[in-house]
Amino acid sequence: MGYVSFFDGFIEDAASTQARDWWRKSTLPASSWLASPVVLTTLDQRHRIGHLNESEHRQAVADVESAWGLFHKVPVGPKLAPELLRVLRLYGLRLADAVDVASALHIHRRLAGDAFRFAVHDKVMAASAQAEGLALALML
């Protein structure tokens, strides 16, 4: 079982291929409910500013929508809120990153236990995840 920031698999950078390969091999990839809208709006923005042409944009959106069905989605709501607030205050993460860490903690504690692995995209998230006892699958 693994949690990967859904964002990392679809916003092209050096880590995108690695992220996609990792979550495709995961027994149950997971991310927060916010991930898909964040990725789709980022793709829309990249299209508007000319970083993606029409064909690339359509394909990227189709890829996101197809892959999203494979993911376990952690609701961002009242049950996650206390953990989210604690992570935000303790580690000084950006909101989206704190949602990822809090969601990963939720999955680790309630669903996956020791089988859980967290794929992260930056050093601050990795340090906060490790401080919380999460095992890292890879550092993207």
N, C-alpha and C. Protein backbone atom coordinates (compact mmCIF):
# COMPACT_ATOMS: atom_id res chain seq x y z
N MET A 1 0.86 -1.18 0.00
CA MET A 1 0.00 0.00 0.00
C MET A 1 0.89 1.22 0.00
N GLY A 2 0.50 2.24 -0.70
CA GLY A 2 1.32 3.42 -0.72
C GLY A 2 0.54 4.69 -0.94
N TYR A 3 1.09 5.75 -0.47
CA TYR A 3 0.51 7.07 -0.66
C TYR A 3 1.50 7.88 -1.46
N VAL A 4 1.04 8.45 -2.52
CA VAL A 4 1.89 9.34 -3.30
C VAL A 4 1.08 10.59 -3.59
N SER A 5 1.76 11.68 -3.55
CA SER A 5 1.09 12.91 -3.96
C SER A 5 0.66 12.73 -5.41
N PHE A 6 -0.64 12.69 -5.66
CA PHE A 6 -1.18 12.48 -7.00
C PHE A 6 -0.62 13.52 -7.96
N PHE A 7 -0.38 14.71 -7.46
CA PHE A 7 0.16 15.82 -8.22
C PHE A 7 1.46 15.43 -8.92
N ASP A 8 2.33 14.72 -8.20
CA ASP A 8 3.65 14.41 -8.73
C ASP A 8 3.63 13.53 -9.97
N GLY A 9 2.60 12.75 -10.14
CA GLY A 9 2.54 11.87 -11.29
C GLY A 9 2.12 12.52 -12.58
N PHE A 10 1.58 13.72 -12.51
CA PHE A 10 0.99 14.31 -13.71
C PHE A 10 1.50 15.68 -14.09
N ILE A 11 2.16 16.34 -13.21
CA ILE A 11 2.75 17.64 -13.54
C ILE A 11 4.19 17.34 -13.91
N GLU A 12 4.49 17.45 -15.18
CA GLU A 12 5.76 16.97 -15.69
C GLU A 12 6.94 17.71 -15.09
N ASP A 13 7.78 16.92 -14.47
CA ASP A 13 9.09 17.36 -14.00
C ASP A 13 9.93 16.11 -13.89
N ALA A 14 11.09 16.22 -13.32
CA ALA A 14 12.01 15.08 -13.26
C ALA A 14 11.43 13.90 -12.48
N ALA A 15 10.51 14.14 -11.56
CA ALA A 15 9.99 13.08 -10.71
C ALA A 15 8.72 12.42 -11.25
N SER A 16 8.11 12.97 -12.27
CA SER A 16 6.81 12.49 -12.72
C SER A 16 6.80 11.03 -13.12
N THR A 17 7.75 10.61 -13.95
CA THR A 17 7.80 9.22 -14.40
C THR A 17 8.03 8.29 -13.22
N GLN A 18 8.91 8.66 -12.33
CA GLN A 18 9.19 7.85 -11.14
C GLN A 18 7.94 7.72 -10.28
N ALA A 19 7.21 8.81 -10.10
CA ALA A 19 5.99 8.78 -9.29
C ALA A 19 4.95 7.88 -9.93
N ARG A 20 4.73 8.02 -11.23
CA ARG A 20 3.74 7.19 -11.92
C ARG A 20 4.12 5.72 -11.83
N ASP A 21 5.38 5.39 -12.05
CA ASP A 21 5.81 4.00 -11.97
C ASP A 21 5.58 3.44 -10.58
N TRP A 22 5.88 4.23 -9.56
CA TRP A 22 5.73 3.74 -8.19
C TRP A 22 4.27 3.50 -7.85
N TRP A 23 3.38 4.44 -8.13
CA TRP A 23 1.99 4.21 -7.72
C TRP A 23 1.30 3.16 -8.57
N ARG A 24 1.76 2.94 -9.79
CA ARG A 24 1.17 1.84 -10.59
C ARG A 24 1.51 0.49 -9.99
N LYS A 25 2.66 0.37 -9.33
CA LYS A 25 3.08 -0.88 -8.70
C LYS A 25 2.51 -1.04 -7.29
N SER A 26 2.00 0.00 -6.73
CA SER A 26 1.46 -0.03 -5.37
C SER A 26 0.21 -0.90 -5.33
N THR A 27 0.02 -1.61 -4.23
CA THR A 27 -1.18 -2.46 -4.11
C THR A 27 -2.44 -1.62 -3.98
N LEU A 28 -2.34 -0.47 -3.36
CA LEU A 28 -3.49 0.43 -3.27
C LEU A 28 -2.97 1.87 -3.17
N PRO A 29 -2.77 2.50 -4.34
CA PRO A 29 -2.31 3.89 -4.27
C PRO A 29 -3.38 4.77 -3.63
N ALA A 30 -2.95 5.78 -2.92
CA ALA A 30 -3.89 6.64 -2.21
C ALA A 30 -3.43 8.08 -2.26
N SER A 31 -4.39 8.97 -2.12
CA SER A 31 -4.10 10.40 -2.07
C SER A 31 -5.33 11.08 -1.47
N SER A 32 -5.22 12.36 -1.19
CA SER A 32 -6.36 13.07 -0.62
C SER A 32 -7.36 13.40 -1.73
N TRP A 33 -8.60 13.67 -1.34
CA TRP A 33 -9.64 14.05 -2.31
C TRP A 33 -9.29 15.34 -3.04
N LEU A 34 -8.45 16.16 -2.46
CA LEU A 34 -8.09 17.42 -3.10
C LEU A 34 -7.13 17.25 -4.27
N ALA A 35 -6.49 16.11 -4.36
CA ALA A 35 -5.42 15.93 -5.35
C ALA A 35 -5.89 16.10 -6.78
N SER A 36 -6.96 15.43 -7.16
CA SER A 36 -7.40 15.51 -8.55
C SER A 36 -7.77 16.93 -8.98
N PRO A 37 -8.58 17.66 -8.21
CA PRO A 37 -8.87 19.04 -8.62
C PRO A 37 -7.62 19.92 -8.71
N VAL A 38 -6.68 19.71 -7.81
CA VAL A 38 -5.44 20.50 -7.84
C VAL A 38 -4.67 20.21 -9.12
N VAL A 39 -4.55 18.92 -9.46
CA VAL A 39 -3.83 18.56 -10.68
C VAL A 39 -4.54 19.09 -11.92
N LEU A 40 -5.85 18.91 -11.97
CA LEU A 40 -6.59 19.37 -13.16
C LEU A 40 -6.50 20.88 -13.34
N THR A 41 -6.61 21.64 -12.27
CA THR A 41 -6.51 23.09 -12.41
C THR A 41 -5.08 23.52 -12.76
N THR A 42 -4.09 22.79 -12.29
CA THR A 42 -2.71 23.09 -12.66
C THR A 42 -2.49 22.81 -14.14
N LEU A 43 -3.04 21.71 -14.63
CA LEU A 43 -2.94 21.42 -16.06
C LEU A 43 -3.65 22.49 -16.89
N ASP A 44 -4.82 22.93 -16.43
CA ASP A 44 -5.54 24.00 -17.13
C ASP A 44 -4.69 25.27 -17.19
N GLN A 45 -4.06 25.60 -16.07
CA GLN A 45 -3.22 26.79 -16.03
C GLN A 45 -2.03 26.65 -16.98
N ARG A 46 -1.40 25.48 -16.97
CA ARG A 46 -0.25 25.26 -17.88
C ARG A 46 -0.69 25.37 -19.35
N HIS A 47 -1.91 24.94 -19.64
CA HIS A 47 -2.45 25.07 -21.00
C HIS A 47 -2.67 26.54 -21.35
N ARG A 48 -3.29 27.28 -20.42
CA ARG A 48 -3.57 28.71 -20.68
C ARG A 48 -2.30 29.52 -20.93
N ILE A 49 -1.22 29.20 -20.25
CA ILE A 49 0.01 29.98 -20.42
C ILE A 49 0.92 29.44 -21.52
N GLY A 50 0.45 28.37 -22.20
CA GLY A 50 1.18 27.88 -23.36
C GLY A 50 2.19 26.78 -23.09
N HIS A 51 2.23 26.22 -21.90
CA HIS A 51 3.17 25.13 -21.61
C HIS A 51 2.65 23.78 -22.11
N LEU A 52 1.36 23.70 -22.37
CA LEU A 52 0.75 22.51 -22.97
C LEU A 52 -0.11 22.97 -24.14
N ASN A 53 0.05 22.29 -25.30
CA ASN A 53 -0.85 22.62 -26.40
C ASN A 53 -2.18 21.90 -26.18
N GLU A 54 -3.13 22.11 -27.07
CA GLU A 54 -4.48 21.54 -26.89
C GLU A 54 -4.45 20.02 -26.79
N SER A 55 -3.71 19.39 -27.66
CA SER A 55 -3.63 17.92 -27.67
C SER A 55 -2.98 17.39 -26.38
N GLU A 56 -1.88 18.02 -25.97
CA GLU A 56 -1.21 17.60 -24.73
C GLU A 56 -2.12 17.79 -23.52
N HIS A 57 -2.86 18.89 -23.51
CA HIS A 57 -3.78 19.17 -22.41
C HIS A 57 -4.88 18.11 -22.34
N ARG A 58 -5.50 17.83 -23.48
CA ARG A 58 -6.57 16.81 -23.52
C ARG A 58 -6.06 15.46 -23.03
N GLN A 59 -4.86 15.08 -23.50
CA GLN A 59 -4.30 13.79 -23.11
C GLN A 59 -3.97 13.75 -21.62
N ALA A 60 -3.40 14.83 -21.10
CA ALA A 60 -3.06 14.89 -19.68
C ALA A 60 -4.31 14.80 -18.81
N VAL A 61 -5.37 15.50 -19.20
CA VAL A 61 -6.63 15.46 -18.45
C VAL A 61 -7.21 14.04 -18.48
N ALA A 62 -7.18 13.41 -19.65
CA ALA A 62 -7.69 12.04 -19.77
C ALA A 62 -6.87 11.09 -18.89
N ASP A 63 -5.55 11.26 -18.87
CA ASP A 63 -4.69 10.42 -18.03
C ASP A 63 -5.02 10.58 -16.55
N VAL A 64 -5.21 11.83 -16.13
CA VAL A 64 -5.55 12.10 -14.72
C VAL A 64 -6.88 11.44 -14.38
N GLU A 65 -7.88 11.65 -15.21
CA GLU A 65 -9.20 11.10 -14.92
C GLU A 65 -9.20 9.58 -14.90
N SER A 66 -8.42 8.96 -15.76
CA SER A 66 -8.31 7.50 -15.78
C SER A 66 -7.60 6.98 -14.53
N ALA A 67 -6.48 7.57 -14.20
CA ALA A 67 -5.70 7.11 -13.06
C ALA A 67 -6.41 7.35 -11.74
N TRP A 68 -7.16 8.43 -11.65
CA TRP A 68 -7.81 8.80 -10.39
C TRP A 68 -8.72 7.70 -9.88
N GLY A 69 -9.30 6.94 -10.79
CA GLY A 69 -10.17 5.84 -10.39
C GLY A 69 -9.45 4.73 -9.65
N LEU A 70 -8.14 4.64 -9.80
CA LEU A 70 -7.36 3.60 -9.13
C LEU A 70 -7.01 3.95 -7.68
N PHE A 71 -7.16 5.21 -7.33
CA PHE A 71 -6.69 5.70 -6.03
C PHE A 71 -7.74 5.59 -4.93
N HIS A 72 -7.29 5.19 -3.75
CA HIS A 72 -8.10 5.34 -2.54
C HIS A 72 -8.03 6.82 -2.20
N LYS A 73 -9.19 7.42 -1.93
CA LYS A 73 -9.23 8.86 -1.67
C LYS A 73 -9.53 9.13 -0.21
N VAL A 74 -8.67 9.92 0.41
CA VAL A 74 -8.88 10.30 1.80
C VAL A 74 -9.70 11.58 1.82
N PRO A 75 -10.89 11.55 2.44
CA PRO A 75 -11.69 12.77 2.52
C PRO A 75 -11.00 13.84 3.37
N VAL A 76 -11.06 15.05 2.91
CA VAL A 76 -10.51 16.17 3.67
C VAL A 76 -11.71 16.82 4.35
N GLY A 77 -11.94 16.43 5.59
CA GLY A 77 -13.11 16.90 6.31
C GLY A 77 -12.86 16.88 7.80
N PRO A 78 -13.92 16.83 8.58
CA PRO A 78 -13.81 16.94 10.04
C PRO A 78 -12.92 15.88 10.68
N LYS A 79 -12.90 14.66 10.14
CA LYS A 79 -12.05 13.62 10.74
C LYS A 79 -10.57 13.87 10.51
N LEU A 80 -10.24 14.50 9.40
CA LEU A 80 -8.84 14.78 9.09
C LEU A 80 -8.38 16.12 9.68
N ALA A 81 -9.31 17.00 9.95
CA ALA A 81 -8.99 18.38 10.36
C ALA A 81 -8.04 18.49 11.55
N PRO A 82 -8.25 17.75 12.65
CA PRO A 82 -7.32 17.90 13.78
C PRO A 82 -5.88 17.52 13.41
N GLU A 83 -5.73 16.43 12.65
CA GLU A 83 -4.39 16.01 12.22
C GLU A 83 -3.79 17.03 11.28
N LEU A 84 -4.59 17.55 10.39
CA LEU A 84 -4.13 18.56 9.44
C LEU A 84 -3.64 19.81 10.17
N LEU A 85 -4.42 20.28 11.10
CA LEU A 85 -4.02 21.47 11.86
C LEU A 85 -2.74 21.22 12.64
N ARG A 86 -2.62 20.04 13.26
CA ARG A 86 -1.42 19.71 14.03
C ARG A 86 -0.19 19.69 13.13
N VAL A 87 -0.31 19.06 11.97
CA VAL A 87 0.82 18.97 11.04
C VAL A 87 1.19 20.35 10.51
N LEU A 88 0.19 21.15 10.17
CA LEU A 88 0.45 22.52 9.70
C LEU A 88 1.23 23.32 10.73
N ARG A 89 0.79 23.27 11.96
CA ARG A 89 1.42 24.08 13.01
C ARG A 89 2.79 23.55 13.40
N LEU A 90 2.94 22.24 13.43
CA LEU A 90 4.19 21.65 13.89
C LEU A 90 5.32 21.76 12.88
N TYR A 91 5.01 21.60 11.60
CA TYR A 91 6.07 21.52 10.59
C TYR A 91 6.14 22.71 9.64
N GLY A 92 5.17 23.59 9.68
CA GLY A 92 5.21 24.76 8.81
C GLY A 92 5.12 24.43 7.33
N LEU A 93 4.40 23.38 7.00
CA LEU A 93 4.23 22.98 5.60
C LEU A 93 3.24 23.88 4.88
N ARG A 94 3.33 23.91 3.57
CA ARG A 94 2.28 24.54 2.77
C ARG A 94 1.01 23.72 2.94
N LEU A 95 -0.14 24.33 2.76
CA LEU A 95 -1.41 23.65 3.01
C LEU A 95 -1.53 22.35 2.23
N ALA A 96 -1.26 22.38 0.93
CA ALA A 96 -1.40 21.16 0.12
C ALA A 96 -0.47 20.05 0.62
N ASP A 97 0.74 20.42 1.01
CA ASP A 97 1.68 19.42 1.53
C ASP A 97 1.22 18.89 2.88
N ALA A 98 0.68 19.75 3.71
CA ALA A 98 0.16 19.31 5.01
C ALA A 98 -1.03 18.37 4.82
N VAL A 99 -1.87 18.63 3.82
CA VAL A 99 -2.98 17.71 3.52
C VAL A 99 -2.42 16.35 3.12
N ASP A 100 -1.37 16.33 2.31
CA ASP A 100 -0.75 15.06 1.92
C ASP A 100 -0.21 14.31 3.13
N VAL A 101 0.52 14.99 4.00
CA VAL A 101 1.09 14.33 5.17
C VAL A 101 -0.01 13.85 6.11
N ALA A 102 -0.99 14.69 6.39
CA ALA A 102 -2.09 14.28 7.27
C ALA A 102 -2.87 13.12 6.68
N SER A 103 -3.11 13.13 5.37
CA SER A 103 -3.80 12.03 4.71
C SER A 103 -2.98 10.74 4.78
N ALA A 104 -1.69 10.86 4.58
CA ALA A 104 -0.81 9.69 4.68
C ALA A 104 -0.84 9.11 6.09
N LEU A 105 -0.82 9.98 7.08
CA LEU A 105 -0.91 9.51 8.47
C LEU A 105 -2.23 8.79 8.72
N HIS A 106 -3.29 9.31 8.18
CA HIS A 106 -4.61 8.69 8.32
C HIS A 106 -4.59 7.27 7.74
N ILE A 107 -4.07 7.12 6.54
CA ILE A 107 -4.01 5.80 5.90
C ILE A 107 -3.11 4.86 6.68
N HIS A 108 -1.96 5.35 7.07
CA HIS A 108 -1.00 4.53 7.83
C HIS A 108 -1.62 4.02 9.13
N ARG A 109 -2.28 4.88 9.85
CA ARG A 109 -2.82 4.53 11.17
C ARG A 109 -4.11 3.72 11.10
N ARG A 110 -4.92 3.96 10.09
CA ARG A 110 -6.26 3.35 10.08
C ARG A 110 -6.43 2.23 9.06
N LEU A 111 -5.57 2.17 8.05
CA LEU A 111 -5.79 1.19 6.99
C LEU A 111 -4.61 0.25 6.73
N ALA A 112 -3.42 0.78 6.66
CA ALA A 112 -2.31 0.00 6.13
C ALA A 112 -1.28 -0.45 7.15
N GLY A 113 -1.13 0.28 8.23
CA GLY A 113 -0.13 -0.09 9.22
C GLY A 113 1.28 -0.11 8.65
N ASP A 114 2.05 -1.12 9.04
CA ASP A 114 3.46 -1.19 8.66
C ASP A 114 3.70 -1.43 7.17
N ALA A 115 2.67 -1.86 6.44
CA ALA A 115 2.83 -2.07 5.01
C ALA A 115 2.85 -0.75 4.23
N PHE A 116 2.52 0.32 4.89
CA PHE A 116 2.39 1.63 4.25
C PHE A 116 3.74 2.23 3.90
N ARG A 117 3.83 2.84 2.72
CA ARG A 117 5.00 3.59 2.28
C ARG A 117 4.53 4.91 1.69
N PHE A 118 5.29 5.97 1.97
CA PHE A 118 4.93 7.32 1.55
C PHE A 118 5.95 7.82 0.54
N ALA A 119 5.50 8.25 -0.62
CA ALA A 119 6.36 8.84 -1.63
C ALA A 119 6.18 10.35 -1.55
N VAL A 120 7.27 11.06 -1.39
CA VAL A 120 7.20 12.51 -1.22
C VAL A 120 8.04 13.22 -2.26
N HIS A 121 7.74 14.51 -2.44
CA HIS A 121 8.41 15.25 -3.50
C HIS A 121 9.35 16.35 -3.01
N ASP A 122 9.50 16.50 -1.72
CA ASP A 122 10.48 17.48 -1.27
C ASP A 122 11.01 17.12 0.12
N LYS A 123 12.11 17.75 0.47
CA LYS A 123 12.81 17.40 1.71
C LYS A 123 12.03 17.77 2.97
N VAL A 124 11.28 18.87 2.93
CA VAL A 124 10.52 19.28 4.11
C VAL A 124 9.41 18.27 4.40
N MET A 125 8.71 17.84 3.34
CA MET A 125 7.68 16.82 3.52
C MET A 125 8.30 15.51 4.00
N ALA A 126 9.42 15.13 3.42
CA ALA A 126 10.08 13.88 3.83
C ALA A 126 10.46 13.94 5.30
N ALA A 127 11.03 15.05 5.74
CA ALA A 127 11.44 15.18 7.14
C ALA A 127 10.24 15.12 8.08
N SER A 128 9.15 15.80 7.71
CA SER A 128 7.97 15.78 8.57
C SER A 128 7.34 14.40 8.59
N ALA A 129 7.29 13.73 7.45
CA ALA A 129 6.73 12.37 7.39
C ALA A 129 7.56 11.41 8.24
N GLN A 130 8.87 11.49 8.12
CA GLN A 130 9.72 10.62 8.92
C GLN A 130 9.60 10.93 10.41
N ALA A 131 9.48 12.19 10.76
CA ALA A 131 9.30 12.58 12.16
C ALA A 131 8.01 11.99 12.72
N GLU A 132 7.02 11.78 11.86
CA GLU A 132 5.74 11.20 12.25
C GLU A 132 5.75 9.68 12.22
N GLY A 133 6.89 9.10 11.83
CA GLY A 133 7.01 7.65 11.81
C GLY A 133 6.61 6.98 10.51
N LEU A 134 6.43 7.76 9.45
CA LEU A 134 6.09 7.18 8.16
C LEU A 134 7.34 6.66 7.45
N ALA A 135 7.24 5.47 6.88
CA ALA A 135 8.33 4.93 6.07
C ALA A 135 8.24 5.53 4.68
N LEU A 136 9.37 5.94 4.15
CA LEU A 136 9.38 6.54 2.81
C LEU A 136 9.61 5.47 1.77
N ALA A 137 8.84 5.50 0.71
CA ALA A 137 9.03 4.59 -0.42
C ALA A 137 10.13 5.11 -1.31
N LEU A 138 10.09 6.41 -1.57
CA LEU A 138 11.08 7.07 -2.39
C LEU A 138 10.98 8.56 -2.16
N MET A 139 12.08 9.20 -2.40
CA MET A 139 12.11 10.66 -2.32
C MET A 139 12.14 11.13 -3.75
N LEU A 140 11.07 11.77 -4.19
CA LEU A 140 10.95 12.21 -5.58
C LEU A 140 11.72 13.50 -5.80
